[in-house]
PDB file of N, CA and C in Angstrom:
ATOM      1  N   MET A   1      86.387  97.735  93.305  1.00  0.00           N
ATOM      2  CA  MET A   1      86.241  96.791  92.165  1.00  0.00           C
ATOM      3  C   MET A   1      87.000  95.464  92.638  1.00  0.00           C
ATOM      4  N   LEU A   2      88.084  95.615  93.374  1.00  0.00           N
ATOM      5  CA  LEU A   2      88.468  94.310  93.964  1.00  0.00           C
ATOM      6  C   LEU A   2      87.496  93.580  94.885  1.00  0.00           C
ATOM      7  N   ASP A   3      86.651  94.309  95.573  1.00  0.00           N
ATOM      8  CA  ASP A   3      85.669  93.597  96.283  1.00  0.00           C
ATOM      9  C   ASP A   3      84.666  92.889  95.479  1.00  0.00           C
ATOM     10  N   ILE A   4      84.372  93.318  94.450  1.00  0.00           N
ATOM     11  CA  ILE A   4      83.536  92.912  93.294  1.00  0.00           C
ATOM     12  C   ILE A   4      84.258  91.584  92.818  1.00  0.00           C
ATOM     13  N   ALA A   5      85.519  91.581  92.470  1.00  0.00           N
ATOM     14  CA  ALA A   5      86.219  90.674  91.709  1.00  0.00           C
ATOM     15  C   ALA A   5      86.279  89.534  92.779  1.00  0.00           C
ATOM     16  N   ARG A   6      86.622  89.712  94.042  1.00  0.00           N
ATOM     17  CA  ARG A   6      86.822  88.748  95.140  1.00  0.00           C
ATOM     18  C   ARG A   6      85.573  88.100  95.635  1.00  0.00           C
ATOM     19  N   SER A   7      84.413  88.872  95.372  1.00  0.00           N
ATOM     20  CA  SER A   7      83.055  88.434  95.912  1.00  0.00           C
ATOM     21  C   SER A   7      83.078  88.828  97.423  1.00  0.00           C
ATOM     22  N   SER A   8      83.645  89.913  97.765  1.00  0.00           N
ATOM     23  CA  SER A   8      83.641  90.251  99.161  1.00  0.00           C
ATOM     24  C   SER A   8      82.553  91.108  99.406  1.00  0.00           C
ATOM     25  N   ARG A   9      82.204  90.851 100.711  1.00  0.00           N
ATOM     26  CA  ARG A   9      80.941  91.789 101.256  1.00  0.00           C
ATOM     27  C   ARG A   9      81.517  92.920 102.103  1.00  0.00           C
ATOM     28  N   TRP A  10      82.701  93.317 101.695  1.00  0.00           N
ATOM     29  CA  TRP A  10      83.047  94.570 102.608  1.00  0.00           C
ATOM     30  C   TRP A  10      82.339  95.622 102.437  1.00  0.00           C
ATOM     31  N   PRO A  11      81.925  96.330 103.431  1.00  0.00           N
ATOM     32  CA  PRO A  11      81.015  97.695 103.371  1.00  0.00           C
ATOM     33  C   PRO A  11      81.481  98.644 102.214  1.00  0.00           C
ATOM     34  N   SER A  12      80.648  98.979 101.408  1.00  0.00           N
ATOM     35  CA  SER A  12      80.855 100.078 100.205  1.00  0.00           C
ATOM     36  C   SER A  12      81.283 101.414 100.962  1.00  0.00           C
ATOM     37  N   LYS A  13      80.764 101.633 102.033  1.00  0.00           N
ATOM     38  CA  LYS A  13      81.307 103.042 102.540  1.00  0.00           C
ATOM     39  C   LYS A  13      82.472 103.149 103.074  1.00  0.00           C
ATOM     40  N   TYR A  14      83.427 102.127 103.134  1.00  0.00           N
ATOM     41  CA  TYR A  14      84.866 102.058 103.497  1.00  0.00           C
ATOM     42  C   TYR A  14      85.427 101.791 102.152  1.00  0.00           C
ATOM     43  N   THR A  15      85.997 102.989 101.625  1.00  0.00           N
ATOM     44  CA  THR A  15      86.714 103.062 100.335  1.00  0.00           C
ATOM     45  C   THR A  15      88.186 102.996 100.570  1.00  0.00           C
ATOM     46  N   ALA A  16      88.995 102.658  99.646  1.00  0.00           N
ATOM     47  CA  ALA A  16      90.446 102.718  99.698  1.00  0.00           C
ATOM     48  C   ALA A  16      91.045 103.154  98.357  1.00  0.00           C
ATOM     49  N   ARG A  17      92.208 103.652  98.355  1.00  0.00           N
ATOM     50  CA  ARG A  17      93.033 103.905  97.289  1.00  0.00           C
ATOM     51  C   ARG A  17      94.224 103.054  97.059  1.00  0.00           C
ATOM     52  N   THR A  18      94.458 102.793  95.839  1.00  0.00           N
ATOM     53  CA  THR A  18      95.524 101.833  95.621  1.00  0.00           C
ATOM     54  C   THR A  18      96.540 102.301  94.378  1.00  0.00           C
ATOM     55  N   LEU A  19      97.745 101.644  94.375  1.00  0.00           N
ATOM     56  CA  LEU A  19      98.546 101.971  93.281  1.00  0.00           C
ATOM     57  C   LEU A  19      97.988 101.078  92.114  1.00  0.00           C
ATOM     58  N   GLY A  20      98.479 101.274  91.072  1.00  0.00           N
ATOM     59  CA  GLY A  20      98.049 100.450  89.792  1.00  0.00           C
ATOM     60  C   GLY A  20      98.110  98.970  90.016  1.00  0.00           C
ATOM     61  N   HIS A  21      96.980  98.364  89.446  1.00  0.00           N
ATOM     62  CA  HIS A  21      97.064  96.824  89.696  1.00  0.00           C
ATOM     63  C   HIS A  21      96.401  96.367  88.516  1.00  0.00           C
ATOM     64  N   PRO A  22      96.931  95.434  87.624  1.00  0.00           N
ATOM     65  CA  PRO A  22      96.458  95.142  86.306  1.00  0.00           C
ATOM     66  C   PRO A  22      95.062  94.682  86.233  1.00  0.00           C
ATOM     67  N   TYR A  23      94.423  94.045  87.163  1.00  0.00           N
ATOM     68  CA  TYR A  23      93.094  93.754  87.108  1.00  0.00           C
ATOM     69  C   TYR A  23      92.123  94.831  87.134  1.00  0.00           C
ATOM     70  N   LEU A  24      92.495  95.664  88.359  1.00  0.00           N
ATOM     71  CA  LEU A  24      91.736  96.808  88.629  1.00  0.00           C
ATOM     72  C   LEU A  24      91.770  97.832  87.532  1.00  0.00           C
ATOM     73  N   ASP A  25      92.894  97.972  87.052  1.00  0.00           N
ATOM     74  CA  ASP A  25      93.086  99.089  86.129  1.00  0.00           C
ATOM     75  C   ASP A  25      92.163  98.647  84.645  1.00  0.00           C
ATOM     76  N   ALA A  26      92.246  97.334  84.327  1.00  0.00           N
ATOM     77  CA  ALA A  26      91.345  96.919  83.328  1.00  0.00           C
ATOM     78  C   ALA A  26      89.753  97.170  83.533  1.00  0.00           C
ATOM     79  N   TRP A  27      89.469  97.266  84.733  1.00  0.00           N
ATOM     80  CA  TRP A  27      88.009  97.364  84.899  1.00  0.00           C
ATOM     81  C   TRP A  27      87.439  98.693  85.529  1.00  0.00           C
ATOM     82  N   ARG A  28      88.537  99.685  85.670  1.00  0.00           N
ATOM     83  CA  ARG A  28      88.357 100.796  86.423  1.00  0.00           C
ATOM     84  C   ARG A  28      87.212 101.658  85.494  1.00  0.00           C
ATOM     85  N   GLY A  29      86.037 102.166  86.300  1.00  0.00           N
ATOM     86  CA  GLY A  29      85.066 102.807  85.623  1.00  0.00           C
ATOM     87  C   GLY A  29      83.987 101.816  85.033  1.00  0.00           C
ATOM     88  N   ARG A  30      84.267 100.501  85.377  1.00  0.00           N
ATOM     89  CA  ARG A  30      83.212  99.578  84.635  1.00  0.00           C
ATOM     90  C   ARG A  30      82.731  98.654  85.774  1.00  0.00           C
ATOM     91  N   GLU A  31      82.595  99.230  87.148  1.00  0.00           N
ATOM     92  CA  GLU A  31      82.089  98.304  88.142  1.00  0.00           C
ATOM     93  C   GLU A  31      80.839  97.804  87.880  1.00  0.00           C
ATOM     94  N   ASP A  32      79.925  98.293  87.284  1.00  0.00           N
ATOM     95  CA  ASP A  32      78.672  97.600  87.063  1.00  0.00           C
ATOM     96  C   ASP A  32      78.805  96.470  86.154  1.00  0.00           C
ATOM     97  N   GLU A  33      79.576  96.662  85.166  1.00  0.00           N
ATOM     98  CA  GLU A  33      79.786  95.728  84.224  1.00  0.00           C
ATOM     99  C   GLU A  33      80.513  94.375  84.815  1.00  0.00           C
ATOM    100  N   LEU A  34      81.484  94.765  85.598  1.00  0.00           N
ATOM    101  CA  LEU A  34      82.164  93.766  86.352  1.00  0.00           C
ATOM    102  C   LEU A  34      81.295  92.886  87.413  1.00  0.00           C
ATOM    103  N   ALA A  35      80.376  93.694  88.038  1.00  0.00           N
ATOM    104  CA  ALA A  35      79.581  92.986  89.007  1.00  0.00           C
ATOM    105  C   ALA A  35      78.485  91.992  88.100  1.00  0.00           C
ATOM    106  N   ALA A  36      78.181  92.221  86.996  1.00  0.00           N
ATOM    107  CA  ALA A  36      77.262  91.606  86.134  1.00  0.00           C
ATOM    108  C   ALA A  36      78.139  90.503  85.404  1.00  0.00           C
ATOM    109  N   ALA A  37      79.326  90.193  85.327  1.00  0.00           N
ATOM    110  CA  ALA A  37      80.092  89.504  84.651  1.00  0.00           C
ATOM    111  C   ALA A  37      80.852  88.373  85.478  1.00  0.00           C
ATOM    112  N   PRO A  38      80.193  87.313  86.023  1.00  0.00           N
ATOM    113  CA  PRO A  38      80.791  86.267  86.912  1.00  0.00           C
ATOM    114  C   PRO A  38      81.864  85.729  86.196  1.00  0.00           C
ATOM    115  N   HIS A  39      81.998  85.630  84.788  1.00  0.00           N
ATOM    116  CA  HIS A  39      83.298  85.104  84.294  1.00  0.00           C
ATOM    117  C   HIS A  39      84.596  85.918  84.399  1.00  0.00           C
ATOM    118  N   ALA A  40      84.310  87.193  84.588  1.00  0.00           N
ATOM    119  CA  ALA A  40      85.307  87.958  84.891  1.00  0.00           C
ATOM    120  C   ALA A  40      85.900  87.809  86.337  1.00  0.00           C
ATOM    121  N   GLN A  41      84.977  87.551  87.175  1.00  0.00           N
ATOM    122  CA  GLN A  41      85.374  87.276  88.592  1.00  0.00           C
ATOM    123  C   GLN A  41      86.222  86.092  88.619  1.00  0.00           C
ATOM    124  N   GLN A  42      85.706  85.172  87.901  1.00  0.00           N
ATOM    125  CA  GLN A  42      86.315  83.649  87.851  1.00  0.00           C
ATOM    126  C   GLN A  42      87.900  83.873  87.201  1.00  0.00           C
ATOM    127  N   ALA A  43      87.915  84.738  86.156  1.00  0.00           N
ATOM    128  CA  ALA A  43      88.999  84.955  85.496  1.00  0.00           C
ATOM    129  C   ALA A  43      89.997  85.565  86.423  1.00  0.00           C
ATOM    130  N   TYR A  44      89.490  86.495  87.433  1.00  0.00           N
ATOM    131  CA  TYR A  44      90.494  87.144  88.184  1.00  0.00           C
ATOM    132  C   TYR A  44      91.215  85.818  89.331  1.00  0.00           C
ATOM    133  N   GLN A  45      90.284  85.187  89.818  1.00  0.00           N
ATOM    134  CA  GLN A  45      90.661  84.023  90.777  1.00  0.00           C
ATOM    135  C   GLN A  45      91.681  83.232  89.930  1.00  0.00           C
ATOM    136  N   GLU A  46      91.539  82.769  88.852  1.00  0.00           N
ATOM    137  CA  GLU A  46      92.365  81.959  87.794  1.00  0.00           C
ATOM    138  C   GLU A  46      93.657  82.643  87.843  1.00  0.00           C
ATOM    139  N   ALA A  47      93.702  83.850  87.551  1.00  0.00           N
ATOM    140  CA  ALA A  47      94.943  84.717  87.131  1.00  0.00           C
ATOM    141  C   ALA A  47      95.729  84.759  88.412  1.00  0.00           C
ATOM    142  N   VAL A  48      95.048  85.020  89.563  1.00  0.00           N
ATOM    143  CA  VAL A  48      95.658  85.096  90.950  1.00  0.00           C
ATOM    144  C   VAL A  48      96.281  83.756  91.233  1.00  0.00           C
ATOM    145  N   VAL A  49      95.652  82.657  90.894  1.00  0.00           N
ATOM    146  CA  VAL A  49      96.246  81.238  91.191  1.00  0.00           C
ATOM    147  C   VAL A  49      97.436  80.951  90.388  1.00  0.00           C
ATOM    148  N   ARG A  50      97.526  81.426  89.084  1.00  0.00           N
ATOM    149  CA  ARG A  50      98.510  81.224  88.069  1.00  0.00           C
ATOM    150  C   ARG A  50      99.660  82.252  88.511  1.00  0.00           C
ATOM    151  N   GLY A  51      99.545  83.289  89.495  1.00  0.00           N
ATOM    152  CA  GLY A  51     100.596  84.133  89.581  1.00  0.00           C
ATOM    153  C   GLY A  51     100.685  85.168  88.746  1.00  0.00           C
ATOM    154  N   GLU A  52      99.709  85.312  87.773  1.00  0.00           N
ATOM    155  CA  GLU A  52      99.648  86.581  86.714  1.00  0.00           C
ATOM    156  C   GLU A  52      99.579  87.810  87.322  1.00  0.00           C
ATOM    157  N   ILE A  53      98.785  87.983  88.386  1.00  0.00           N
ATOM    158  CA  ILE A  53      98.455  89.373  89.004  1.00  0.00           C
ATOM    159  C   ILE A  53      98.507  89.004  90.484  1.00  0.00           C
ATOM    160  N   PRO A  54      98.704  90.102  91.272  1.00  0.00           N
ATOM    161  CA  PRO A  54      98.887  89.892  92.560  1.00  0.00           C
ATOM    162  C   PRO A  54      97.311  89.711  93.110  1.00  0.00           C
ATOM    163  N   SER A  55      97.245  89.031  94.222  1.00  0.00           N
ATOM    164  CA  SER A  55      95.952  88.950  94.935  1.00  0.00           C
ATOM    165  C   SER A  55      95.255  90.125  95.547  1.00  0.00           C
ATOM    166  N   MET A  56      96.235  90.988  95.868  1.00  0.00           N
ATOM    167  CA  MET A  56      95.920  92.244  96.643  1.00  0.00           C
ATOM    168  C   MET A  56      96.627  93.310  95.908  1.00  0.00           C
ATOM    169  N   PRO A  57      95.947  94.593  95.849  1.00  0.00           N
ATOM    170  CA  PRO A  57      96.656  95.741  95.327  1.00  0.00           C
ATOM    171  C   PRO A  57      97.526  96.265  96.454  1.00  0.00           C
ATOM    172  N   ARG A  58      98.503  97.308  96.253  1.00  0.00           N
ATOM    173  CA  ARG A  58      99.138  97.969  97.220  1.00  0.00           C
ATOM    174  C   ARG A  58      98.183  99.165  97.615  1.00  0.00           C
ATOM    175  N   TRP A  59      97.857  98.975  99.037  1.00  0.00           N
ATOM    176  CA  TRP A  59      96.956  99.923  99.472  1.00  0.00           C
ATOM    177  C   TRP A  59      97.882 101.191  99.869  1.00  0.00           C
ATOM    178  N   GLU A  60      97.283 102.351  99.576  1.00  0.00           N
ATOM    179  CA  GLU A  60      97.866 103.712  99.752  1.00  0.00           C
ATOM    180  C   GLU A  60      96.982 104.797 100.431  1.00  0.00           C
ATOM    181  N   SER A  61      97.625 105.858 100.948  1.00  0.00           N
ATOM    182  CA  SER A  61      96.878 106.880 101.376  1.00  0.00           C
ATOM    183  C   SER A  61      95.852 107.484 100.747  1.00  0.00           C
ATOM    184  N   GLU A  62      94.950 108.388 101.252  1.00  0.00           N
ATOM    185  CA  GLU A  62      94.317 109.250 100.353  1.00  0.00           C
ATOM    186  C   GLU A  62      95.125 110.321  99.642  1.00  0.00           C
ATOM    187  N   ALA A  63      96.262 110.688  99.983  1.00  0.00           N
ATOM    188  CA  ALA A  63      97.032 111.720  99.464  1.00  0.00           C
ATOM    189  C   ALA A  63      97.882 111.271  98.422  1.00  0.00           C
ATOM    190  N   ILE A  64      97.893 109.874  98.062  1.00  0.00           N
ATOM    191  CA  ILE A  64      98.770 109.391  97.093  1.00  0.00           C
ATOM    192  C   ILE A  64      98.685 109.918  95.732  1.00  0.00           C
ATOM    193  N   ASP A  65      97.457 110.592  95.368  1.00  0.00           N
ATOM    194  CA  ASP A  65      97.516 111.199  94.070  1.00  0.00           C
ATOM    195  C   ASP A  65      97.951 112.502  94.074  1.00  0.00           C
ATOM    196  N   LEU A  66      98.352 113.098  95.273  1.00  0.00           N
ATOM    197  CA  LEU A  66      98.862 114.339  95.281  1.00  0.00           C
ATOM    198  C   LEU A  66     100.339 114.361  95.008  1.00  0.00           C
ATOM    199  N   ILE A  67     100.991 113.439  95.035  1.00  0.00           N
ATOM    200  CA  ILE A  67     102.344 113.190  94.695  1.00  0.00           C
ATOM    201  C   ILE A  67     102.736 113.147  93.161  1.00  0.00           C
ATOM    202  N   ASP A  68     103.401 114.179  92.694  1.00  0.00           N
ATOM    203  CA  ASP A  68     103.450 114.199  91.199  1.00  0.00           C
ATOM    204  C   ASP A  68     104.977 114.385  90.893  1.00  0.00           C
ATOM    205  N   ASP A  69     105.822 114.429  91.844  1.00  0.00           N
ATOM    206  CA  ASP A  69     107.165 114.599  91.623  1.00  0.00           C
ATOM    207  C   ASP A  69     108.030 113.970  92.575  1.00  0.00           C
ATOM    208  N   PRO A  70     107.948 112.609  92.489  1.00  0.00           N
ATOM    209  CA  PRO A  70     108.851 111.749  93.693  1.00  0.00           C
ATOM    210  C   PRO A  70     110.299 112.149  93.586  1.00  0.00           C
ATOM    211  N   PRO A  71     110.985 112.207  94.610  1.00  0.00           N
ATOM    212  CA  PRO A  71     112.438 112.567  94.619  1.00  0.00           C
ATOM    213  C   PRO A  71     113.144 111.227  94.277  1.00  0.00           C
ATOM    214  N   SER A  72     114.414 111.418  93.677  1.00  0.00           N
ATOM    215  CA  SER A  72     115.313 110.171  93.840  1.00  0.00           C
ATOM    216  C   SER A  72     115.396 109.523  95.155  1.00  0.00           C
ATOM    217  N   ALA A  73     115.920 108.172  95.084  1.00  0.00           N
ATOM    218  CA  ALA A  73     116.274 107.718  96.428  1.00  0.00           C
ATOM    219  C   ALA A  73     117.425 108.535  97.038  1.00  0.00           C
ATOM    220  N   PHE A  74     118.391 108.849  96.205  1.00  0.00           N
ATOM    221  CA  PHE A  74     119.401 109.590  96.885  1.00  0.00           C
ATOM    222  C   PHE A  74     118.945 110.938  97.353  1.00  0.00           C
ATOM    223  N   ASP A  75     118.303 111.667  96.614  1.00  0.00           N
ATOM    224  CA  ASP A  75     117.728 112.960  97.223  1.00  0.00           C
ATOM    225  C   ASP A  75     116.802 112.673  98.488  1.00  0.00           C
ATOM    226  N   LEU A  76     116.185 111.588  98.526  1.00  0.00           N
ATOM    227  CA  LEU A  76     115.122 111.472  99.661  1.00  0.00           C
ATOM    228  C   LEU A  76     116.037 111.123 101.007  1.00  0.00           C
ATOM    229  N   VAL A  77     117.055 110.286 100.762  1.00  0.00           N
ATOM    230  CA  VAL A  77     117.793 109.911 101.712  1.00  0.00           C
ATOM    231  C   VAL A  77     118.627 111.197 102.282  1.00  0.00           C
ATOM    232  N   GLY A  78     119.067 111.972 101.447  1.00  0.00           N
ATOM    233  CA  GLY A  78     119.874 113.141 101.965  1.00  0.00           C
ATOM    234  C   GLY A  78     118.703 114.194 102.679  1.00  0.00           C
ATOM    235  N   THR A  79     117.653 114.397 102.204  1.00  0.00           N
ATOM    236  CA  THR A  79     116.588 115.086 102.925  1.00  0.00           C
ATOM    237  C   THR A  79     116.310 114.541 104.210  1.00  0.00           C
ATOM    238  N   LEU A  80     115.943 113.202 104.435  1.00  0.00           N
ATOM    239  CA  LEU A  80     115.692 112.626 105.436  1.00  0.00           C
ATOM    240  C   LEU A  80     116.741 112.741 106.606  1.00  0.00           C
ATOM    241  N   THR A  81     117.977 112.513 106.017  1.00  0.00           N
ATOM    242  CA  THR A  81     119.276 112.698 107.054  1.00  0.00           C
ATOM    243  C   THR A  81     119.346 113.974 107.646  1.00  0.00           C
ATOM    244  N   ALA A  82     119.020 115.138 106.798  1.00  0.00           N
ATOM    245  CA  ALA A  82     119.182 116.470 107.215  1.00  0.00           C
ATOM    246  C   ALA A  82     118.079 116.742 108.218  1.00  0.00           C
ATOM    247  N   GLN A  83     116.910 116.300 108.006  1.00  0.00           N
ATOM    248  CA  GLN A  83     115.786 116.481 108.919  1.00  0.00           C
ATOM    249  C   GLN A  83     115.942 115.753 110.086  1.00  0.00           C
ATOM    250  N   ALA A  84     116.477 114.581 110.069  1.00  0.00           N
ATOM    251  CA  ALA A  84     116.807 113.816 111.306  1.00  0.00           C
ATOM    252  C   ALA A  84     117.838 114.601 112.260  1.00  0.00           C
ATOM    253  N   GLU A  85     118.843 115.040 111.643  1.00  0.00           N
ATOM    254  CA  GLU A  85     119.951 115.869 112.307  1.00  0.00           C
ATOM    255  C   GLU A  85     119.324 117.006 112.827  1.00  0.00           C
ATOM    256  N   GLU A  86     118.656 117.676 112.293  1.00  0.00           N
ATOM    257  CA  GLU A  86     118.076 118.857 112.800  1.00  0.00           C
ATOM    258  C   GLU A  86     116.989 118.524 113.968  1.00  0.00           C
ATOM    259  N   ALA A  87     116.259 117.367 113.705  1.00  0.00           N
ATOM    260  CA  ALA A  87     115.324 117.017 115.054  1.00  0.00           C
ATOM    261  C   ALA A  87     116.266 116.638 116.163  1.00  0.00           C
ATOM    262  N   LEU A  88     117.271 116.027 115.920  1.00  0.00           N
ATOM    263  CA  LEU A  88     118.065 115.450 117.048  1.00  0.00           C
ATOM    264  C   LEU A  88     118.748 116.788 117.839  1.00  0.00           C
ATOM    265  N   SER A  89     119.274 117.776 116.839  1.00  0.00           N
ATOM    266  CA  SER A  89     119.854 118.821 117.404  1.00  0.00           C
ATOM    267  C   SER A  89     119.100 119.493 118.282  1.00  0.00           C
ATOM    268  N   ARG A  90     117.693 119.681 117.848  1.00  0.00           N
ATOM    269  CA  ARG A  90     116.713 120.524 118.621  1.00  0.00           C
ATOM    270  C   ARG A  90     116.338 119.666 119.882  1.00  0.00           C
ATOM    271  N   ALA A  91     116.233 118.286 119.784  1.00  0.00           N
ATOM    272  CA  ALA A  91     115.918 117.509 121.020  1.00  0.00           C
ATOM    273  C   ALA A  91     117.124 117.662 121.937  1.00  0.00           C
ATOM    274  N   GLY A  92     118.271 117.693 121.621  1.00  0.00           N
ATOM    275  CA  GLY A  92     119.435 118.036 122.426  1.00  0.00           C
ATOM    276  C   GLY A  92     119.358 119.358 123.206  1.00  0.00           C
ATOM    277  N   ARG A  93     118.957 120.360 122.534  1.00  0.00           N
ATOM    278  CA  ARG A  93     118.926 121.664 123.231  1.00  0.00           C
ATOM    279  C   ARG A  93     117.915 121.849 124.382  1.00  0.00           C
ATOM    280  N   ARG A  94     116.862 120.976 124.395  1.00  0.00           N
ATOM    281  CA  ARG A  94     115.796 121.270 125.262  1.00  0.00           C
ATOM    282  C   ARG A  94     116.197 120.508 126.680  1.00  0.00           C
ATOM    283  N   GLY A  95     117.195 119.637 126.717  1.00  0.00           N
ATOM    284  CA  GLY A  95     117.474 119.036 127.985  1.00  0.00           C
ATOM    285  C   GLY A  95     118.568 119.755 128.611  1.00  0.00           C
TER     286      GLY A  95
END
């Protein structure tokens, strides 16, 4: 949809996943209608210029939709710290 809105000629075989984006969310599932609506493409460009919507979405991995229970920052830092300590401990035993 972003390629349609931006009149980009990016090859359609190269798809991408993004987090929510106000413009894309409004047109999701209506790509043919968007392609046939030059006023919608103009509205996208104008909204970007006014700073009402970001010019680009946040690109994400193919697995982004598999995350359904993100941890809190506190829990994540604790987990990462423990994993780093374990990895460093293993690395020290090799030498």
